[in-house]
Amino acid sequence: MEKRVKGVGPGRLGGADSERMRKENFERLSERRLNDAKDAIARLTRLSNPYNYRYTEREMLQLVHELQRSIAELQAEYELNLEEQARLAPRRKTVARRAKRPATKR
């Protein structure tokens, strides 16, 4: 059975398996969620049909503005977290090396 570092959960050591698992999870979930978002936008686009729906220019601009704001928030969050990943990368390597060392008696 694998030894665990007390107080450190799975994936916190920055090992290759953990990194691969996180990457696979991101790819799997991001693809599905991106497709869901694109489908939702397509449904909103269908509301533009003048034979079925009535809306004002103001309502249309409000809808587009809300979508643009959500995209801007998405981008800002990803950029912030990319910076955080870069900042933490050296620390994860150090923690992983310490965890691999054999325990010493005190």
Protein backbone atom coordinates (compact mmCIF):
# COMPACT_ATOMS: atom_id res chain seq x y z
CA MET A 1 0.00 0.00 0.00
CA GLU A 2 1.25 3.47 -0.91
CA LYS A 3 2.48 5.63 1.94
CA ARG A 4 0.56 8.86 2.36
CA VAL A 5 1.84 12.15 3.64
CA LYS A 6 -0.24 13.22 6.61
CA GLY A 7 -2.33 16.28 5.88
CA VAL A 8 -1.81 16.10 2.15
CA GLY A 9 -4.69 14.87 0.02
CA PRO A 10 -4.48 12.98 -3.24
CA GLY A 11 -3.24 15.06 -6.12
CA ARG A 12 -1.54 17.63 -3.92
CA LEU A 13 1.91 16.21 -4.36
CA GLY A 14 2.12 17.19 -8.01
CA GLY A 15 3.10 13.73 -9.21
CA ALA A 16 2.89 12.69 -12.84
CA ASP A 17 -0.19 10.53 -12.23
CA SER A 18 -1.98 13.39 -10.51
CA GLU A 19 -1.09 15.82 -13.29
CA ARG A 20 -2.22 13.37 -15.97
CA MET A 21 -5.51 12.74 -14.14
CA ARG A 22 -6.18 16.47 -13.80
CA LYS A 23 -5.42 17.02 -17.49
CA GLU A 24 -7.72 14.17 -18.54
CA ASN A 25 -10.51 15.47 -16.30
CA PHE A 26 -10.15 18.97 -17.73
CA GLU A 27 -10.25 17.72 -21.32
CA ARG A 28 -13.26 15.47 -20.70
CA LEU A 29 -15.29 18.02 -18.76
CA SER A 30 -14.32 21.08 -20.81
CA GLU A 31 -15.37 19.43 -24.06
CA ARG A 32 -18.78 18.50 -22.66
CA ARG A 33 -19.36 21.87 -20.99
CA LEU A 34 -18.21 23.80 -24.06
CA ASN A 35 -20.68 21.84 -26.19
CA ASP A 36 -23.44 22.57 -23.65
CA ALA A 37 -22.60 26.29 -23.76
CA LYS A 38 -22.60 26.31 -27.57
CA ASP A 39 -25.98 24.56 -27.57
CA ALA A 40 -27.36 27.15 -25.14
CA ILE A 41 -26.12 29.97 -27.38
CA ALA A 42 -27.70 28.27 -30.39
CA ARG A 43 -31.02 28.16 -28.50
CA LEU A 44 -30.71 31.87 -27.72
CA THR A 45 -29.95 32.52 -31.39
CA ARG A 46 -33.18 30.80 -32.39
CA LEU A 47 -35.06 33.40 -30.31
CA SER A 48 -34.12 35.95 -32.97
CA ASN A 49 -36.68 34.44 -35.38
CA PRO A 50 -39.15 37.32 -36.03
CA TYR A 51 -41.92 34.91 -37.04
CA ASN A 52 -42.04 33.40 -33.57
CA TYR A 53 -40.73 36.05 -31.19
CA ARG A 54 -40.89 39.80 -30.62
CA TYR A 55 -38.10 41.73 -28.93
CA THR A 56 -36.70 45.23 -28.89
CA GLU A 57 -33.22 46.34 -29.82
CA ARG A 58 -32.63 47.10 -26.14
CA GLU A 59 -33.56 43.52 -25.15
CA MET A 60 -31.27 42.14 -27.83
CA LEU A 61 -28.38 44.35 -26.70
CA GLN A 62 -28.96 43.36 -23.07
CA LEU A 63 -28.83 39.67 -23.97
CA VAL A 64 -25.62 40.10 -25.97
CA HIS A 65 -24.10 42.27 -23.22
CA GLU A 66 -24.78 39.58 -20.60
CA LEU A 67 -23.12 36.93 -22.77
CA GLN A 68 -20.10 39.15 -23.39
CA ARG A 69 -19.80 39.86 -19.67
CA SER A 70 -19.90 36.14 -18.91
CA ILE A 71 -17.18 35.49 -21.50
CA ALA A 72 -15.04 38.28 -19.99
CA GLU A 73 -15.48 36.76 -16.50
CA LEU A 74 -14.55 33.33 -17.87
CA GLN A 75 -11.41 34.71 -19.48
CA ALA A 76 -10.39 36.66 -16.38
CA GLU A 77 -10.83 33.59 -14.17
CA TYR A 78 -8.73 31.40 -16.48
CA GLU A 79 -5.98 34.04 -16.72
CA LEU A 80 -5.90 34.46 -12.94
CA ASN A 81 -5.69 30.71 -12.39
CA LEU A 82 -2.97 30.29 -15.03
CA GLU A 83 -0.91 32.80 -13.07
CA GLU A 84 -1.63 30.84 -9.88
CA GLN A 85 -0.56 27.58 -11.56
CA ALA A 86 2.71 29.15 -12.65
CA ARG A 87 3.30 30.55 -9.16
CA LEU A 88 2.64 27.21 -7.46
CA ALA A 89 4.49 24.95 -9.93
CA PRO A 90 7.90 25.20 -8.19
CA ARG A 91 6.30 24.55 -4.77
CA ARG A 92 4.49 21.43 -6.00
CA LYS A 93 7.79 19.98 -7.19
CA THR A 94 9.45 20.67 -3.82
CA VAL A 95 6.58 19.12 -1.86
CA ALA A 96 6.60 16.05 -4.12
CA ARG A 97 10.36 15.57 -3.62
CA ARG A 98 10.00 15.84 0.17
CA ALA A 99 7.19 13.31 0.21
CA LYS A 100 9.31 10.77 -1.68
CA ARG A 101 12.16 10.91 0.86
CA PRO A 102 12.31 8.07 3.34
CA ALA A 103 11.06 8.93 6.80
CA THR A 104 13.79 9.67 9.31
CA LYS A 105 13.57 8.78 12.98
CA ARG A 106 13.70 11.62 15.45
